[in-house]
Amino acid sequence: TILKRTPSAEVYVPDSNIGESYSPVVTTDSDGKEDAVIEYKPIGTDDRFYSTTKPAVIGAYTVRVTIPETAKYNAAVATSEFTIKKKVPAFVLNIGSPYVGTDYKPSVTTNSDGAAKVVIEYKAKDASDDTYTTTVPTTYGTYVVRATVPETATFASVSATTDFTLRYLEAPANAFEMTGTTGKNGYYVSGVELKAPAGYLISGIYGGTYTESITYTDSLTSVYLKRTSDNALTSAIAINKPKIDTQAPSFKAGTGSIASGSVMYVSNINITVDDPNLKSLKVNGEPISLTSDKDNVLTLSPGFGTKTFKITAEDEAGNISNIEFTLKAEWLESKTIIPDVVLPLEGNEYYNLGEGYWIVTRNTPEGPVKDNTVYSGGMPFYVEEGGDYTFTKVT
């Protein structure tokens, strides 16, 4: 008996992604291959679900090839399994190195049709994954950003992560300009403003109110800039403390104030010139040595007459104060003559003689000139011509 051959038979369909074309591969030595029938069914279903329609939806399938009987070969059947899967999307995540203060967000590139629903999350670099949050970091530090594209009917879900540093903006070379009225020796003689450079705003408090300029105060040790184009923030920028002296020297008489034009009856008086940066002092145009902290106290006296003093004080910043006042000997308040001293008297003035009898000597450049008249006390004494006089009581 001559028998028909039993052919070898195999069928193979590669796994594929949805939307991709595929073709079954039949391997057999039967000459009936050209008439083979290819059928498909979902895995797990009975054979009545076989169909020649190629599956096009996601799932796991069985492919069956039936090779018909020929004159030389018996019929043959072979099966295999394959899967149609969701597409794994291309996915690129990039965030760069954003600056503190900017409204930054990562760049996500994907061919998934779920791109519009990508979820962006953040965590600190060394924190655990359960700390991921959608809150965007705003403070300096190193972080991880995670982007997740959701699963769709066609594409699988996929996530990507990348590290980034939220950094401070580098301050420009000239971070601020100090402006104010300048005096001498590098001093300002007015309040000082710190002005931000073009394209920036300035603040004395990190994250505070940023403006074009701020006023310098003694408590201000650093400033911060914000770039107006993107709100990027710098870290602290140290300030070299400016020399400021807005107050001119002041004058005090004893423990009280003194004003220009004052007239005071005193034997002597202490005038204090008050200024922490006092540089020079003149009395009636004559310089006063300032070698110690006590040199700014002037002891002035009218002697037995009247003297006018003009004091000029200047500080290191160039602030200048002037004051002019008159001191009169105490006896001039009542104009009662005191004996045995040289008294500078003004002409065309009356003075008072005390009780008793008096003789008068006028002191001239040529020598004393004695008036032989004896004057009775207790009555006015008229001085016709001013000069230096000495009054002596006689018994």
Protein backbone atom coordinates (compact mmCIF):
# COMPACT_ATOMS: atom_id res chain seq x y z
CA THR A 1 0.00 0.00 0.00
CA ILE A 2 1.24 3.44 -0.91
CA LEU A 3 0.16 5.99 1.78
CA LYS A 4 -0.06 9.76 1.63
CA ARG A 5 2.53 11.68 3.53
CA THR A 6 1.78 13.46 6.77
CA PRO A 7 3.17 16.96 6.32
CA SER A 8 4.91 19.12 8.87
CA ALA A 9 2.92 22.26 9.75
CA GLU A 10 3.61 25.40 11.82
CA VAL A 11 2.00 28.80 12.01
CA TYR A 12 3.45 31.89 13.69
CA VAL A 13 2.16 35.41 14.27
CA PRO A 14 4.51 37.85 16.04
CA ASP A 15 3.25 39.90 18.96
CA SER A 16 2.39 43.41 17.81
CA ASN A 17 1.09 46.76 18.97
CA ILE A 18 -2.38 47.88 18.15
CA GLY A 19 -2.58 49.55 14.78
CA GLU A 20 0.45 47.74 13.43
CA SER A 21 0.02 45.38 10.50
CA TYR A 22 1.02 41.76 10.90
CA SER A 23 0.97 38.60 8.76
CA PRO A 24 0.94 34.97 9.81
CA VAL A 25 3.89 32.83 8.72
CA VAL A 26 3.03 29.26 7.65
CA THR A 27 5.76 26.66 7.43
CA THR A 28 4.91 23.26 5.86
CA ASP A 29 6.24 20.77 3.33
CA SER A 30 2.74 20.11 2.01
CA ASP A 31 2.00 21.09 -1.55
CA GLY A 32 -1.35 22.31 -0.30
CA LYS A 33 0.14 25.37 1.39
CA GLU A 34 -1.32 27.78 -1.15
CA ASP A 35 -4.81 26.64 -0.22
CA ALA A 36 -4.24 26.82 3.54
CA VAL A 37 -6.96 28.57 5.59
CA ILE A 38 -5.91 30.97 8.38
CA GLU A 39 -8.35 31.54 11.24
CA TYR A 40 -8.28 33.40 14.56
CA LYS A 41 -10.08 33.35 17.87
CA PRO A 42 -9.57 34.90 21.32
CA ILE A 43 -7.66 32.66 23.68
CA GLY A 44 -9.95 30.84 26.04
CA THR A 45 -12.92 30.65 23.69
CA ASP A 46 -14.14 27.47 22.00
CA ASP A 47 -13.43 26.63 18.39
CA ARG A 48 -16.73 27.93 17.11
CA PHE A 49 -15.34 31.44 17.50
CA TYR A 50 -12.63 30.88 14.86
CA SER A 51 -12.88 33.44 12.08
CA THR A 52 -10.79 34.34 9.09
CA THR A 53 -11.02 38.01 10.13
CA LYS A 54 -7.71 39.22 11.49
CA PRO A 55 -8.02 40.62 15.01
CA ALA A 56 -7.39 44.36 15.29
CA VAL A 57 -8.08 45.05 18.96
CA ILE A 58 -5.95 44.55 22.02
CA GLY A 59 -6.00 41.00 23.34
CA ALA A 60 -4.48 37.53 23.28
CA TYR A 61 -5.37 35.28 20.35
CA THR A 62 -4.95 31.81 18.89
CA VAL A 63 -4.15 31.51 15.20
CA ARG A 64 -4.98 28.24 13.41
CA VAL A 65 -3.80 27.13 9.98
CA THR A 66 -5.62 24.32 8.18
CA ILE A 67 -3.75 22.79 5.23
CA PRO A 68 -6.05 20.74 2.97
CA GLU A 69 -5.41 17.18 1.86
CA THR A 70 -3.76 16.81 -1.55
CA ALA A 71 -2.89 13.91 -3.77
CA LYS A 72 0.38 13.47 -1.92
CA TYR A 73 -0.27 14.86 1.56
CA ASN A 74 -2.76 14.39 4.25
CA ALA A 75 -4.48 17.43 5.73
CA ALA A 76 -2.71 19.17 8.62
CA VAL A 77 -3.67 21.67 11.34
CA ALA A 78 -1.33 23.84 13.44
CA THR A 79 -1.97 26.56 16.05
CA SER A 80 -0.01 29.16 18.00
CA GLU A 81 -0.74 32.14 20.18
CA PHE A 82 0.05 35.83 19.84
CA THR A 83 -0.82 39.11 21.51
CA ILE A 84 -1.91 42.51 20.28
CA LYS A 85 -0.76 45.05 22.85
CA LYS A 86 -1.19 48.73 23.49
CA LYS A 87 1.52 50.92 22.03
CA VAL A 88 4.35 51.99 24.30
CA PRO A 89 4.53 55.72 23.65
CA ALA A 90 7.68 57.64 22.98
CA PHE A 91 8.22 59.85 26.01
CA VAL A 92 10.83 62.54 26.66
CA LEU A 93 10.88 64.64 29.87
CA ASN A 94 13.05 67.73 30.27
CA ILE A 95 13.04 70.54 32.85
CA GLY A 96 16.51 72.11 32.74
CA SER A 97 17.66 74.18 35.73
CA PRO A 98 14.92 76.71 36.50
CA TYR A 99 15.40 79.78 38.71
CA VAL A 100 13.69 80.37 42.03
CA GLY A 101 10.73 82.69 41.52
CA THR A 102 10.00 81.76 37.91
CA ASP A 103 6.81 80.11 36.67
CA TYR A 104 8.56 77.04 35.34
CA LYS A 105 7.20 73.73 34.08
CA PRO A 106 8.78 70.67 32.48
CA SER A 107 8.70 69.93 28.77
CA VAL A 108 6.98 66.64 27.89
CA THR A 109 7.18 65.18 24.39
CA THR A 110 5.12 62.09 23.56
CA ASN A 111 3.17 60.54 20.70
CA SER A 112 0.53 59.21 23.07
CA ASP A 113 -3.02 60.42 22.55
CA GLY A 114 -3.11 60.91 26.34
CA ALA A 115 -0.58 63.76 26.21
CA ALA A 116 -3.17 66.33 27.30
CA LYS A 117 -3.68 64.45 30.57
CA VAL A 118 -0.04 64.06 31.61
CA VAL A 119 0.35 64.31 35.42
CA ILE A 120 3.40 66.21 36.73
CA GLU A 121 4.61 65.53 40.28
CA TYR A 122 7.57 66.61 42.37
CA LYS A 123 9.50 65.50 45.41
CA ALA A 124 12.72 66.45 47.16
CA LYS A 125 15.76 64.64 45.78
CA ASP A 126 16.30 62.26 48.69
CA ALA A 127 12.65 61.87 49.75
CA SER A 128 10.68 58.66 49.35
CA ASP A 129 8.31 58.17 46.42
CA ASP A 130 5.26 58.48 48.64
CA THR A 131 6.05 62.19 49.02
CA TYR A 132 5.39 63.02 45.38
CA THR A 133 3.00 65.96 45.07
CA THR A 134 1.63 68.12 42.30
CA THR A 135 2.69 71.25 44.23
CA VAL A 136 5.46 72.98 42.30
CA PRO A 137 8.61 73.61 44.42
CA THR A 138 9.42 77.29 45.01
CA THR A 139 12.48 77.18 47.29
CA TYR A 140 16.11 76.58 46.45
CA GLY A 141 17.06 72.90 46.38
CA THR A 142 17.41 69.71 44.34
CA TYR A 143 14.24 67.87 43.32
CA VAL A 144 12.88 65.04 41.19
CA VAL A 145 10.11 65.65 38.68
CA ARG A 146 7.97 62.74 37.54
CA ALA A 147 5.69 62.87 34.50
CA THR A 148 3.08 60.17 33.91
CA VAL A 149 1.07 59.84 30.71
CA PRO A 150 -2.15 57.91 31.39
CA GLU A 151 -3.21 54.74 29.66
CA THR A 152 -5.55 55.19 26.71
CA ALA A 153 -7.35 52.84 24.38
CA THR A 154 -4.31 52.79 22.14
CA PHE A 155 -1.31 53.62 24.30
CA ALA A 156 0.04 52.16 27.51
CA SER A 157 0.78 54.36 30.52
CA VAL A 158 4.39 55.36 30.98
CA SER A 159 6.34 57.48 33.48
CA ALA A 160 9.65 59.23 33.34
CA THR A 161 11.68 61.06 36.01
CA THR A 162 14.56 63.48 36.00
CA ASP A 163 16.48 65.40 38.67
CA PHE A 164 16.72 69.17 38.63
CA THR A 165 18.01 72.01 40.79
CA LEU A 166 15.87 75.04 41.54
CA ARG A 167 18.63 77.64 41.67
CA TYR A 168 19.08 81.30 42.48
CA LEU A 169 19.63 83.81 39.73
CA GLU A 170 23.19 85.07 39.66
CA ALA A 171 23.24 88.76 40.56
CA PRO A 172 24.50 91.19 37.92
CA ALA A 173 27.96 92.71 38.38
CA ASN A 174 26.46 96.01 39.54
CA ALA A 175 23.65 94.70 41.68
CA PHE A 176 22.47 98.10 42.92
CA GLU A 177 23.34 101.77 42.88
CA MET A 178 23.55 103.84 46.03
CA THR A 179 22.12 107.30 45.44
CA GLY A 180 21.93 110.34 47.69
CA THR A 181 23.49 113.74 48.26
CA THR A 182 27.21 113.27 48.58
CA GLY A 183 29.36 115.22 51.00
CA LYS A 184 33.05 115.05 51.76
CA ASN A 185 35.27 112.04 52.50
CA GLY A 186 32.89 109.48 50.97
CA TYR A 187 29.93 110.50 53.16
CA TYR A 188 26.33 110.94 52.17
CA VAL A 189 24.67 113.97 53.75
CA SER A 190 21.15 112.77 52.98
CA GLY A 191 19.21 109.54 53.17
CA VAL A 192 20.52 106.83 50.83
CA GLU A 193 18.45 104.93 48.29
CA LEU A 194 19.50 101.56 46.85
CA LYS A 195 18.35 101.51 43.24
CA ALA A 196 17.96 98.31 41.23
CA PRO A 197 19.67 98.08 37.81
CA ALA A 198 17.60 98.16 34.62
CA GLY A 199 15.53 95.01 34.25
CA TYR A 200 15.39 94.27 37.98
CA LEU A 201 13.49 95.17 41.15
CA ILE A 202 15.01 95.24 44.64
CA SER A 203 13.89 94.28 48.15
CA GLY A 204 15.42 94.26 51.61
CA ILE A 205 13.49 91.08 52.45
CA TYR A 206 13.73 87.83 50.51
CA GLY A 207 10.38 87.19 48.86
CA GLY A 208 9.09 90.53 50.13
CA THR A 209 7.89 93.50 48.13
CA TYR A 210 10.23 94.25 45.24
CA THR A 211 10.39 97.84 44.00
CA GLU A 212 12.65 100.00 41.84
CA SER A 213 14.51 101.30 44.91
CA ILE A 214 14.54 100.97 48.69
CA THR A 215 15.72 103.24 51.50
CA TYR A 216 18.87 102.22 53.33
CA THR A 217 18.57 101.66 57.09
CA ASP A 218 21.21 100.63 59.63
CA SER A 219 19.53 97.24 60.00
CA LEU A 220 19.86 96.50 56.28
CA THR A 221 22.78 94.13 55.67
CA SER A 222 21.78 92.56 52.36
CA VAL A 223 19.35 93.00 49.49
CA TYR A 224 17.64 90.75 46.94
CA LEU A 225 16.87 91.27 43.26
CA LYS A 226 14.01 90.08 41.06
CA ARG A 227 14.44 90.00 37.29
CA THR A 228 11.37 91.60 35.76
CA SER A 229 11.37 89.46 32.60
CA ASP A 230 10.71 86.17 34.43
CA ASN A 231 10.55 86.99 38.19
CA ALA A 232 13.76 85.04 38.83
CA LEU A 233 15.16 85.75 42.32
CA THR A 234 18.71 86.14 43.56
CA SER A 235 20.03 85.04 46.91
CA ALA A 236 21.26 87.60 49.44
CA ILE A 237 23.59 90.31 48.10
CA ALA A 238 25.78 91.81 50.82
CA ILE A 239 25.87 95.59 51.33
CA ASN A 240 28.96 97.58 52.25
CA LYS A 241 27.60 99.93 54.87
CA PRO A 242 27.61 103.49 53.52
CA LYS A 243 28.91 106.40 55.57
CA ILE A 244 25.94 108.65 56.27
CA ASP A 245 25.91 111.87 58.27
CA THR A 246 22.85 114.00 57.69
CA GLN A 247 23.13 116.14 60.85
CA ALA A 248 25.28 119.23 61.10
CA PRO A 249 27.11 119.87 64.40
CA SER A 250 24.90 121.26 67.17
CA PHE A 251 25.67 123.56 70.07
CA LYS A 252 24.68 123.44 73.74
CA ALA A 253 25.31 125.97 76.50
CA GLY A 254 25.82 124.03 79.71
CA THR A 255 22.89 121.61 79.70
CA GLY A 256 20.60 123.81 77.64
CA SER A 257 20.29 124.96 74.07
CA ILE A 258 21.69 128.15 72.64
CA ALA A 259 20.57 130.14 69.62
CA SER A 260 22.36 132.62 67.39
CA GLY A 261 21.87 136.17 68.61
CA SER A 262 21.70 135.16 72.26
CA VAL A 263 22.96 137.59 74.90
CA MET A 264 24.03 136.06 78.21
CA TYR A 265 25.33 137.58 81.44
CA VAL A 266 27.91 135.17 82.78
CA SER A 267 31.41 135.05 84.19
CA ASN A 268 32.09 132.11 81.86
CA ILE A 269 30.17 129.43 80.03
CA ASN A 270 30.84 125.98 78.58
CA ILE A 271 29.73 125.54 74.98
CA THR A 272 29.53 121.92 73.84
CA VAL A 273 29.83 121.17 70.13
CA ASP A 274 28.03 117.91 69.53
CA ASP A 275 28.86 115.75 66.48
CA PRO A 276 30.30 112.21 66.47
CA ASN A 277 32.24 113.01 63.30
CA LEU A 278 33.47 116.48 64.25
CA LYS A 279 36.45 117.44 62.08
CA SER A 280 37.18 121.13 62.66
CA LEU A 281 36.23 123.90 65.05
CA LYS A 282 36.91 127.63 64.90
CA VAL A 283 36.19 130.41 67.38
CA ASN A 284 36.18 133.87 65.81
CA GLY A 285 38.11 132.42 62.87
CA GLU A 286 40.83 130.80 65.00
CA PRO A 287 41.17 126.99 64.69
CA ILE A 288 40.75 124.91 67.84
CA SER A 289 42.87 121.79 68.19
CA LEU A 290 40.78 118.61 68.39
CA THR A 291 43.19 116.16 69.96
CA SER A 292 40.81 114.54 72.45
CA ASP A 293 37.13 113.88 72.97
CA LYS A 294 37.01 116.81 75.44
CA ASP A 295 38.19 119.39 72.91
CA ASN A 296 34.65 119.92 71.69
CA VAL A 297 33.82 121.69 74.98
CA LEU A 298 34.73 125.38 74.83
CA THR A 299 35.01 127.48 77.97
CA LEU A 300 34.32 131.08 77.00
CA SER A 301 34.41 134.22 79.13
CA PRO A 302 33.55 137.88 78.52
CA GLY A 303 36.12 138.98 81.11
CA PHE A 304 34.74 142.12 82.81
CA GLY A 305 33.17 143.39 79.62
CA THR A 306 31.29 142.26 76.55
CA LYS A 307 32.51 139.81 73.92
CA THR A 308 30.86 138.44 70.82
CA PHE A 309 31.80 134.90 69.75
CA LYS A 310 31.28 133.27 66.39
CA ILE A 311 31.77 129.47 66.37
CA THR A 312 32.06 127.50 63.14
CA ALA A 313 31.97 123.67 63.31
CA GLU A 314 32.38 121.23 60.42
CA ASP A 315 32.09 117.45 60.47
CA GLU A 316 33.80 114.81 58.31
CA ALA A 317 30.89 114.82 55.87
CA GLY A 318 31.17 118.55 55.26
CA ASN A 319 28.11 119.60 57.27
CA ILE A 320 28.77 123.08 58.68
CA SER A 321 27.10 124.90 61.57
CA ASN A 322 27.62 128.50 62.66
CA ILE A 323 26.47 130.26 65.77
CA GLU A 324 27.11 133.80 66.98
CA PHE A 325 26.24 135.08 70.44
CA THR A 326 27.29 137.73 72.98
CA LEU A 327 28.56 137.21 76.51
CA LYS A 328 28.42 140.06 79.03
CA ALA A 329 30.04 140.15 82.45
CA GLU A 330 27.56 139.52 85.22
CA TRP A 331 27.95 143.02 86.72
CA LEU A 332 26.70 144.52 83.45
CA GLU A 333 23.24 143.13 84.03
CA SER A 334 22.69 145.74 86.78
CA LYS A 335 25.52 148.03 85.57
CA THR A 336 26.69 148.39 89.19
CA ILE A 337 30.37 149.30 89.18
CA ILE A 338 32.74 146.87 90.91
CA PRO A 339 35.89 148.38 92.48
CA ASP A 340 39.57 147.93 91.75
CA VAL A 341 39.35 146.15 88.39
CA VAL A 342 39.73 147.48 84.88
CA LEU A 343 36.26 147.79 83.43
CA PRO A 344 35.67 148.29 79.69
CA LEU A 345 32.85 150.82 79.57
CA GLU A 346 30.86 152.02 76.61
CA GLY A 347 30.54 155.68 75.77
CA ASN A 348 27.32 157.63 76.17
CA GLU A 349 26.14 155.16 78.82
CA TYR A 350 25.13 155.45 82.49
CA TYR A 351 26.47 153.10 85.14
CA ASN A 352 25.65 152.79 88.84
CA LEU A 353 28.01 153.59 91.70
CA GLY A 354 27.61 151.78 94.98
CA GLU A 355 27.43 153.49 98.39
CA GLY A 356 30.40 155.62 99.46
CA TYR A 357 32.81 157.82 97.58
CA TRP A 358 34.68 156.96 94.39
CA ILE A 359 37.55 158.17 92.32
CA VAL A 360 38.03 157.17 88.69
CA THR A 361 41.16 156.41 86.65
CA ARG A 362 41.01 156.05 82.88
CA ASN A 363 43.52 153.63 81.38
CA THR A 364 44.90 154.90 78.08
CA PRO A 365 47.69 153.66 75.81
CA GLU A 366 49.82 156.52 77.10
CA GLY A 367 49.19 155.51 80.71
CA PRO A 368 46.59 156.00 83.46
CA VAL A 369 44.78 159.33 83.64
CA LYS A 370 43.41 160.07 87.10
CA ASP A 371 40.23 162.10 87.56
CA ASN A 372 40.65 164.08 90.75
CA THR A 373 36.91 164.41 91.23
CA VAL A 374 35.43 162.41 94.08
CA TYR A 375 32.07 161.00 93.12
CA SER A 376 29.30 160.25 95.55
CA GLY A 377 27.89 156.74 95.46
CA GLY A 378 24.30 155.71 95.17
CA MET A 379 23.78 157.60 91.95
CA PRO A 380 24.34 157.13 88.20
CA PHE A 381 27.72 157.74 86.62
CA TYR A 382 27.76 158.96 83.04
CA VAL A 383 30.52 157.80 80.69
CA GLU A 384 30.92 160.19 77.81
CA GLU A 385 33.74 158.37 76.03
CA GLY A 386 34.12 154.61 76.02
CA GLY A 387 37.31 152.96 77.27
CA ASP A 388 38.94 151.12 80.15
CA TYR A 389 38.23 152.57 83.59
CA THR A 390 39.18 151.66 87.16
CA PHE A 391 37.00 152.75 90.08
CA THR A 392 38.38 152.95 93.59
CA LYS A 393 36.49 153.55 96.82
CA VAL A 394 37.85 156.21 99.08
CA THR A 395 37.32 156.67 102.80
